[in-house]
N, C-alpha and C. Protein backbone atom coordinates (compact mmCIF):
# COMPACT_ATOMS: atom_id res chain seq x y z
N MET A 1 -7.85 -7.33 -36.41
CA MET A 1 -8.57 -6.11 -36.07
C MET A 1 -7.55 -5.01 -35.75
N PRO A 2 -7.64 -3.87 -36.39
CA PRO A 2 -6.71 -2.78 -36.09
C PRO A 2 -7.05 -2.13 -34.75
N PHE A 3 -6.02 -1.67 -34.08
CA PHE A 3 -6.20 -0.99 -32.80
C PHE A 3 -5.83 0.47 -32.98
N TYR A 4 -6.81 1.35 -32.83
CA TYR A 4 -6.56 2.76 -33.07
C TYR A 4 -6.21 3.51 -31.79
N HIS A 5 -6.90 3.21 -30.73
CA HIS A 5 -6.66 3.92 -29.47
C HIS A 5 -5.78 3.06 -28.57
N ARG A 6 -4.70 3.65 -28.09
CA ARG A 6 -3.77 2.93 -27.22
C ARG A 6 -3.67 3.67 -25.90
N VAL A 7 -3.39 2.91 -24.85
CA VAL A 7 -3.25 3.50 -23.52
C VAL A 7 -1.89 3.10 -22.95
N TYR A 8 -1.39 3.94 -22.04
CA TYR A 8 -0.13 3.63 -21.39
C TYR A 8 -0.36 2.66 -20.25
N CYS A 9 0.60 1.77 -20.08
CA CYS A 9 0.53 0.78 -19.01
C CYS A 9 1.95 0.52 -18.51
N TRP A 10 2.14 0.58 -17.20
CA TRP A 10 3.44 0.22 -16.63
C TRP A 10 3.50 -1.29 -16.51
N VAL A 11 4.56 -1.88 -17.03
CA VAL A 11 4.75 -3.33 -16.95
C VAL A 11 6.06 -3.62 -16.22
N PRO A 12 6.15 -4.77 -15.56
CA PRO A 12 7.40 -5.12 -14.87
C PRO A 12 8.58 -5.17 -15.84
N ARG A 13 9.70 -4.62 -15.43
CA ARG A 13 10.88 -4.62 -16.29
C ARG A 13 11.36 -6.03 -16.62
N SER A 14 11.05 -6.99 -15.75
CA SER A 14 11.46 -8.37 -16.02
C SER A 14 10.80 -8.91 -17.28
N TRP A 15 9.72 -8.30 -17.72
CA TRP A 15 9.04 -8.73 -18.93
C TRP A 15 9.72 -8.21 -20.20
N LEU A 16 10.67 -7.32 -20.07
CA LEU A 16 11.29 -6.71 -21.25
C LEU A 16 12.21 -7.66 -22.01
N SER A 17 12.46 -8.84 -21.46
CA SER A 17 13.26 -9.82 -22.19
C SER A 17 12.44 -10.48 -23.30
N VAL A 18 11.13 -10.27 -23.27
CA VAL A 18 10.22 -10.78 -24.30
C VAL A 18 10.12 -9.71 -25.40
N SER A 19 9.98 -10.13 -26.64
CA SER A 19 9.86 -9.14 -27.72
C SER A 19 8.62 -8.27 -27.52
N TRP A 20 8.68 -7.04 -28.04
CA TRP A 20 7.55 -6.10 -27.92
C TRP A 20 6.28 -6.72 -28.49
N GLU A 21 6.43 -7.36 -29.65
CA GLU A 21 5.27 -7.95 -30.32
C GLU A 21 4.65 -9.07 -29.49
N ALA A 22 5.50 -9.94 -28.96
CA ALA A 22 5.00 -11.05 -28.13
C ALA A 22 4.36 -10.53 -26.85
N LEU A 23 4.98 -9.52 -26.25
CA LEU A 23 4.44 -8.94 -25.02
C LEU A 23 3.06 -8.34 -25.28
N GLN A 24 2.93 -7.61 -26.36
CA GLN A 24 1.63 -7.02 -26.69
C GLN A 24 0.58 -8.10 -26.94
N LYS A 25 0.94 -9.15 -27.66
CA LYS A 25 -0.01 -10.22 -27.95
C LYS A 25 -0.51 -10.89 -26.67
N VAL A 26 0.41 -11.18 -25.76
CA VAL A 26 0.02 -11.82 -24.50
C VAL A 26 -0.88 -10.90 -23.69
N LEU A 27 -0.49 -9.63 -23.57
CA LEU A 27 -1.30 -8.69 -22.78
C LEU A 27 -2.69 -8.52 -23.38
N VAL A 28 -2.77 -8.34 -24.69
CA VAL A 28 -4.06 -8.16 -25.35
C VAL A 28 -4.93 -9.40 -25.14
N LYS A 29 -4.36 -10.58 -25.32
CA LYS A 29 -5.12 -11.82 -25.17
C LYS A 29 -5.66 -11.97 -23.74
N GLU A 30 -4.79 -11.85 -22.76
CA GLU A 30 -5.19 -12.08 -21.37
C GLU A 30 -6.16 -11.01 -20.87
N ILE A 31 -5.87 -9.76 -21.15
CA ILE A 31 -6.74 -8.67 -20.69
C ILE A 31 -8.09 -8.75 -21.40
N SER A 32 -8.09 -9.05 -22.69
CA SER A 32 -9.34 -9.15 -23.45
C SER A 32 -10.22 -10.28 -22.93
N GLU A 33 -9.61 -11.43 -22.67
CA GLU A 33 -10.39 -12.56 -22.15
C GLU A 33 -11.00 -12.23 -20.79
N TYR A 34 -10.23 -11.57 -19.95
CA TYR A 34 -10.74 -11.17 -18.64
C TYR A 34 -11.88 -10.16 -18.80
N TYR A 35 -11.69 -9.22 -19.70
CA TYR A 35 -12.71 -8.19 -19.95
C TYR A 35 -14.01 -8.82 -20.44
N MET A 36 -13.90 -9.77 -21.35
CA MET A 36 -15.10 -10.43 -21.88
C MET A 36 -15.82 -11.23 -20.79
N LYS A 37 -15.08 -11.79 -19.87
CA LYS A 37 -15.67 -12.62 -18.81
C LYS A 37 -16.27 -11.79 -17.68
N TYR A 38 -15.56 -10.71 -17.27
CA TYR A 38 -15.96 -9.94 -16.09
C TYR A 38 -16.46 -8.53 -16.37
N GLY A 39 -16.33 -8.07 -17.63
CA GLY A 39 -16.82 -6.74 -17.98
C GLY A 39 -15.92 -5.60 -17.55
N ARG A 40 -14.71 -5.92 -17.14
CA ARG A 40 -13.73 -4.90 -16.77
C ARG A 40 -12.33 -5.46 -17.00
N ALA A 41 -11.39 -4.58 -17.23
CA ALA A 41 -10.01 -5.02 -17.47
C ALA A 41 -9.22 -5.14 -16.17
N GLU A 42 -9.52 -4.27 -15.22
CA GLU A 42 -8.79 -4.25 -13.96
C GLU A 42 -8.96 -5.57 -13.22
N GLY A 43 -7.84 -6.12 -12.78
CA GLY A 43 -7.86 -7.39 -12.07
C GLY A 43 -7.32 -8.54 -12.90
N SER A 44 -7.20 -8.34 -14.21
CA SER A 44 -6.67 -9.42 -15.05
C SER A 44 -5.22 -9.70 -14.67
N ALA A 45 -4.87 -10.98 -14.69
CA ALA A 45 -3.52 -11.41 -14.30
C ALA A 45 -2.78 -11.97 -15.51
N VAL A 46 -1.49 -11.66 -15.57
CA VAL A 46 -0.63 -12.15 -16.65
C VAL A 46 0.66 -12.64 -16.01
N ARG A 47 1.13 -13.81 -16.46
CA ARG A 47 2.40 -14.36 -15.96
C ARG A 47 3.36 -14.49 -17.13
N ILE A 48 4.51 -13.82 -17.01
CA ILE A 48 5.55 -13.86 -18.03
C ILE A 48 6.89 -13.99 -17.32
N ASN A 49 7.73 -14.90 -17.77
CA ASN A 49 9.07 -15.10 -17.20
C ASN A 49 9.04 -15.26 -15.68
N GLY A 50 8.05 -15.95 -15.16
CA GLY A 50 7.98 -16.20 -13.72
C GLY A 50 7.44 -15.05 -12.90
N THR A 51 7.07 -13.95 -13.54
CA THR A 51 6.52 -12.79 -12.83
C THR A 51 5.04 -12.68 -13.15
N THR A 52 4.21 -12.74 -12.10
CA THR A 52 2.77 -12.56 -12.27
C THR A 52 2.42 -11.14 -11.86
N ALA A 53 1.64 -10.48 -12.69
CA ALA A 53 1.21 -9.11 -12.40
C ALA A 53 -0.28 -9.00 -12.70
N ARG A 54 -0.94 -8.11 -11.96
CA ARG A 54 -2.37 -7.88 -12.14
C ARG A 54 -2.60 -6.43 -12.53
N LEU A 55 -3.54 -6.24 -13.44
CA LEU A 55 -3.83 -4.91 -13.95
C LEU A 55 -4.65 -4.11 -12.95
N GLN A 56 -4.20 -2.90 -12.68
CA GLN A 56 -4.95 -1.97 -11.84
C GLN A 56 -4.70 -0.56 -12.36
N LEU A 57 -5.51 0.37 -11.90
CA LEU A 57 -5.34 1.78 -12.27
C LEU A 57 -4.60 2.51 -11.16
N HIS A 58 -3.67 3.35 -11.57
CA HIS A 58 -2.97 4.24 -10.64
C HIS A 58 -2.91 5.61 -11.28
N ASN A 59 -3.61 6.58 -10.70
CA ASN A 59 -3.66 7.94 -11.25
C ASN A 59 -4.02 7.93 -12.73
N GLU A 60 -5.04 7.18 -13.07
CA GLU A 60 -5.58 7.10 -14.43
C GLU A 60 -4.61 6.48 -15.44
N THR A 61 -3.61 5.77 -14.97
CA THR A 61 -2.69 5.03 -15.84
C THR A 61 -2.74 3.57 -15.42
N TYR A 62 -2.80 2.68 -16.41
CA TYR A 62 -2.81 1.25 -16.09
C TYR A 62 -1.45 0.81 -15.58
N TRP A 63 -1.50 -0.13 -14.65
CA TRP A 63 -0.28 -0.63 -14.01
C TRP A 63 -0.42 -2.14 -13.87
N MET A 64 0.46 -2.88 -14.52
CA MET A 64 0.53 -4.33 -14.31
C MET A 64 1.40 -4.52 -13.07
N ARG A 65 0.75 -4.52 -11.93
CA ARG A 65 1.46 -4.55 -10.64
C ARG A 65 1.92 -5.97 -10.32
N ASP A 66 3.22 -6.11 -10.15
CA ASP A 66 3.81 -7.39 -9.76
C ASP A 66 3.16 -7.86 -8.46
N ASP A 67 2.72 -9.11 -8.43
CA ASP A 67 2.07 -9.64 -7.23
C ASP A 67 2.96 -9.55 -5.99
N LEU A 68 4.27 -9.54 -6.17
CA LEU A 68 5.19 -9.46 -5.04
C LEU A 68 5.53 -8.03 -4.63
N ASP A 69 5.04 -7.05 -5.36
CA ASP A 69 5.30 -5.64 -5.09
C ASP A 69 4.31 -5.14 -4.03
N LEU A 70 4.82 -4.78 -2.87
CA LEU A 70 3.97 -4.34 -1.76
C LEU A 70 3.69 -2.84 -1.79
N ARG A 71 4.34 -2.11 -2.70
CA ARG A 71 4.14 -0.66 -2.77
C ARG A 71 2.77 -0.32 -3.35
N THR A 72 2.29 0.85 -3.00
CA THR A 72 0.98 1.30 -3.50
C THR A 72 1.12 2.21 -4.71
N ILE A 73 2.34 2.59 -5.04
CA ILE A 73 2.61 3.38 -6.24
C ILE A 73 3.75 2.70 -7.00
N PRO A 74 3.74 2.77 -8.32
CA PRO A 74 4.81 2.10 -9.08
C PRO A 74 6.16 2.81 -8.92
N ASN A 75 7.19 2.03 -8.66
CA ASN A 75 8.55 2.53 -8.64
C ASN A 75 9.08 2.37 -10.06
N LEU A 76 9.36 3.47 -10.71
CA LEU A 76 9.73 3.41 -12.13
C LEU A 76 11.07 2.72 -12.38
N LYS A 77 11.81 2.40 -11.33
CA LYS A 77 13.00 1.58 -11.50
C LYS A 77 12.62 0.14 -11.80
N ASP A 78 11.42 -0.25 -11.38
CA ASP A 78 10.96 -1.62 -11.53
C ASP A 78 9.95 -1.82 -12.66
N TYR A 79 9.47 -0.71 -13.24
CA TYR A 79 8.43 -0.79 -14.27
C TYR A 79 8.83 0.03 -15.49
N TYR A 80 8.26 -0.34 -16.62
CA TYR A 80 8.54 0.33 -17.88
C TYR A 80 7.21 0.70 -18.52
N THR A 81 7.14 1.88 -19.12
CA THR A 81 5.91 2.31 -19.78
C THR A 81 5.78 1.62 -21.14
N PHE A 82 4.63 1.01 -21.34
CA PHE A 82 4.35 0.25 -22.55
C PHE A 82 2.96 0.66 -23.02
N GLN A 83 2.74 0.71 -24.32
CA GLN A 83 1.41 1.05 -24.84
C GLN A 83 0.67 -0.22 -25.24
N ILE A 84 -0.59 -0.28 -24.83
CA ILE A 84 -1.44 -1.42 -25.19
C ILE A 84 -2.74 -0.89 -25.79
N PRO A 85 -3.40 -1.68 -26.63
CA PRO A 85 -4.69 -1.27 -27.16
C PRO A 85 -5.71 -1.14 -26.03
N CYS A 86 -6.58 -0.18 -26.14
CA CYS A 86 -7.63 0.04 -25.15
C CYS A 86 -8.74 -0.99 -25.37
N VAL A 87 -8.94 -1.89 -24.41
CA VAL A 87 -9.97 -2.92 -24.58
C VAL A 87 -11.37 -2.32 -24.51
N HIS A 88 -11.53 -1.22 -23.80
CA HIS A 88 -12.85 -0.58 -23.71
C HIS A 88 -13.28 -0.03 -25.07
N CYS A 89 -12.35 0.57 -25.80
CA CYS A 89 -12.67 1.19 -27.09
C CYS A 89 -12.73 0.17 -28.22
N ASN A 90 -11.86 -0.82 -28.18
CA ASN A 90 -11.74 -1.76 -29.29
C ASN A 90 -12.66 -2.96 -29.19
N ARG A 91 -13.24 -3.20 -28.01
CA ARG A 91 -14.15 -4.33 -27.82
C ARG A 91 -13.57 -5.61 -28.43
N LEU A 92 -12.41 -5.97 -27.95
CA LEU A 92 -11.68 -7.11 -28.50
C LEU A 92 -12.46 -8.40 -28.39
């Protein structure tokens, strides 16, 4: 299925050791499954390279917030902007 609409999402920098393609596949799979089960994307959890992060919104931008991160706003030293398909638009 082609993905036309993409959204920005901050992901933990520790995940950047995974290829872009593999990272996108994992995020799409996990977020889509959560969306199908609960009717929303926020709250879905993904674990990559020992780092678990949960999807939440921050100022209208998605943030895969590391479970160990106690901050309420993303520190861009610890996160990287990544584009993912919009599960709301694509109905994965």
